[in-house]
Amino acid sequence: MDILKPLANPVRRFYPYFPVRVPAGFPSPAQDYIAKRIDLNELLIQHPGSTFYVRAEGDSMMPVINDGDLLVVDRNAEVVNGSTVLACLNNDFCIKQFYKRSDGSIELLSTNPEYPPVNLPDDCTFEVWGKVTAAIKTDAFK
């Protein structure tokens, strides 16, 4: 898929960073200075050549990942039990928590208790496309 090819020379943009903790409940006085600038690529992307974004759909991973969140997926990040992954199961993509049992069987779990675990049958096609390393909460501000 062409959409998974990384940019040859990604543009780095640095945005202002205010090194204060801001209460989410009651307003506090703002600081009048910028301490430094940060690059979100530096914070969110460990392997630029193998990282891409997808948009989450549905509620099976709520409250951790919401419908519409922008997910950062790293194809080179180590996947261990409990990792949230982008997987391809019988040619359909899904976001789930990955667990490999001692007998070699694989189970995919949702963080929403309304959804049952997915135990992979022997005759299915399955591939982990990458580990979800961050969720950007874009729908929270609509």
Protein backbone atom coordinates (compact mmCIF):
# COMPACT_ATOMS: atom_id res chain seq x y z
CA MET A 1 0.00 0.00 0.00
CA ASP A 2 1.42 3.36 -0.99
CA ILE A 3 -0.04 5.10 2.06
CA LEU A 4 2.41 3.26 4.28
CA LYS A 5 5.52 4.60 2.56
CA PRO A 6 7.30 7.08 4.85
CA LEU A 7 8.15 10.56 3.67
CA ALA A 8 11.74 10.78 2.44
CA ASN A 9 12.46 14.06 4.23
CA PRO A 10 9.66 14.86 6.68
CA VAL A 11 9.31 18.52 7.57
CA ARG A 12 10.05 19.17 11.22
CA ARG A 13 7.94 21.85 12.83
CA PHE A 14 8.58 23.11 16.32
CA TYR A 15 5.71 24.47 18.37
CA PRO A 16 5.78 26.56 21.57
CA TYR A 17 5.84 24.63 24.83
CA PHE A 18 4.79 26.20 28.11
CA PRO A 19 6.37 24.17 30.96
CA VAL A 20 3.50 24.57 33.39
CA ARG A 21 0.92 22.08 34.53
CA VAL A 22 -2.57 23.41 33.89
CA PRO A 23 -5.45 22.19 36.06
CA ALA A 24 -8.25 20.74 34.00
CA GLY A 25 -10.80 21.79 36.58
CA PHE A 26 -10.44 25.35 37.86
CA PRO A 27 -8.55 28.06 35.91
CA SER A 28 -5.13 29.22 37.07
CA PRO A 29 -3.04 32.27 36.08
CA ALA A 30 -1.12 31.77 32.81
CA GLN A 31 2.64 32.02 32.49
CA ASP A 32 3.85 34.87 30.27
CA TYR A 33 6.80 33.17 28.65
CA ILE A 34 7.77 30.26 26.46
CA ALA A 35 10.56 28.14 27.94
CA LYS A 36 11.39 26.22 24.76
CA ARG A 37 9.90 24.80 21.61
CA ILE A 38 9.02 21.14 21.15
CA ASP A 39 8.70 18.98 18.08
CA LEU A 40 5.75 16.58 18.26
CA ASN A 41 7.58 14.23 15.90
CA GLU A 42 10.34 13.95 18.48
CA LEU A 43 7.85 13.22 21.25
CA LEU A 44 5.56 10.83 19.38
CA ILE A 45 7.75 9.09 16.80
CA GLN A 46 10.66 6.83 17.68
CA HIS A 47 11.08 5.21 14.24
CA PRO A 48 10.19 7.85 11.59
CA GLY A 49 10.72 5.51 8.66
CA SER A 50 8.21 2.97 9.95
CA THR A 51 5.58 5.14 11.62
CA PHE A 52 2.20 6.10 10.18
CA TYR A 53 -1.18 7.36 11.36
CA VAL A 54 -4.67 5.86 11.27
CA ARG A 55 -7.99 7.14 12.54
CA ALA A 56 -9.83 5.00 15.10
CA GLU A 57 -13.43 4.03 14.40
CA GLY A 58 -15.91 2.58 16.86
CA ASP A 59 -16.05 2.18 20.61
CA SER A 60 -14.42 -1.21 21.27
CA MET A 61 -11.27 0.39 22.74
CA MET A 62 -13.02 3.04 24.86
CA PRO A 63 -12.22 4.68 27.20
CA VAL A 64 -8.54 4.44 26.15
CA ILE A 65 -9.11 5.07 22.43
CA ASN A 66 -12.22 6.90 21.28
CA ASP A 67 -13.99 6.99 17.93
CA GLY A 68 -12.12 9.49 15.74
CA ASP A 69 -8.82 9.51 17.66
CA LEU A 70 -5.72 9.81 15.51
CA LEU A 71 -3.44 6.86 16.30
CA VAL A 72 0.33 6.78 15.88
CA VAL A 73 1.36 3.28 14.70
CA ASP A 74 4.99 2.12 14.73
CA ARG A 75 5.81 -0.98 12.67
CA ASN A 76 9.21 -1.35 14.39
CA ALA A 77 8.08 -1.00 18.01
CA GLU A 78 8.31 -4.17 20.06
CA VAL A 79 4.94 -5.85 20.56
CA VAL A 80 4.58 -7.60 23.92
CA ASN A 81 1.59 -8.99 25.77
CA GLY A 82 -0.77 -6.14 26.52
CA SER A 83 0.42 -3.94 23.64
CA THR A 84 -2.29 -2.16 21.69
CA VAL A 85 -1.80 -3.08 18.06
CA LEU A 86 -3.14 -2.43 14.59
CA ALA A 87 -3.83 -5.93 13.32
CA CYS A 88 -5.15 -7.39 10.11
CA LEU A 89 -7.51 -10.30 10.80
CA ASN A 90 -8.93 -12.07 7.73
CA ASN A 91 -8.19 -8.97 5.63
CA ASP A 92 -9.98 -6.63 8.06
CA PHE A 93 -8.12 -4.12 10.21
CA CYS A 94 -8.75 -3.74 13.92
CA ILE A 95 -7.21 -2.09 16.97
CA LYS A 96 -6.94 -4.45 19.95
CA GLN A 97 -4.73 -5.42 22.86
CA PHE A 98 -2.47 -8.31 21.87
CA TYR A 99 -1.84 -11.40 24.01
CA LYS A 100 0.14 -14.46 22.96
CA ARG A 101 -0.44 -17.42 25.26
CA SER A 102 2.21 -19.97 26.26
CA ASP A 103 0.63 -22.51 23.88
CA GLY A 104 1.16 -20.09 20.96
CA SER A 105 -2.50 -19.12 20.60
CA ILE A 106 -3.33 -15.45 20.20
CA GLU A 107 -6.11 -13.51 21.88
CA LEU A 108 -7.18 -9.97 21.04
CA LEU A 109 -8.92 -7.92 23.71
CA SER A 110 -10.95 -4.74 23.69
CA THR A 111 -10.69 -2.25 26.54
CA ASN A 112 -14.47 -1.80 26.42
CA PRO A 113 -16.00 -4.61 28.54
CA GLU A 114 -19.02 -4.74 26.20
CA TYR A 115 -16.88 -6.58 23.63
CA PRO A 116 -15.82 -10.22 24.11
CA PRO A 117 -12.23 -11.40 23.56
CA VAL A 118 -11.30 -12.57 20.06
CA ASN A 119 -9.55 -15.94 20.08
CA LEU A 120 -7.94 -16.53 16.71
CA PRO A 121 -8.96 -19.76 15.01
CA ASP A 122 -6.26 -21.83 13.29
CA ASP A 123 -7.68 -21.19 9.82
CA CYS A 124 -7.61 -17.37 9.97
CA THR A 125 -5.09 -15.01 8.43
CA PHE A 126 -3.53 -12.68 10.98
CA GLU A 127 -0.76 -10.10 10.96
CA VAL A 128 0.28 -7.38 13.38
CA TRP A 129 0.85 -4.24 11.30
CA GLY A 130 2.30 -2.24 14.19
CA LYS A 131 2.06 -1.10 17.76
CA VAL A 132 -0.12 1.87 18.64
CA THR A 133 2.26 4.20 20.47
CA ALA A 134 -0.02 7.22 20.96
CA ALA A 135 -3.62 8.35 20.60
CA ILE A 136 -4.27 11.97 19.73
CA LYS A 137 -7.68 12.94 21.06
CA THR A 138 -8.97 14.97 18.13
CA ASP A 139 -12.71 14.49 18.76
CA ALA A 140 -12.50 15.84 22.29
CA PHE A 141 -12.55 19.41 21.00
CA LYS A 142 -15.50 19.40 18.61
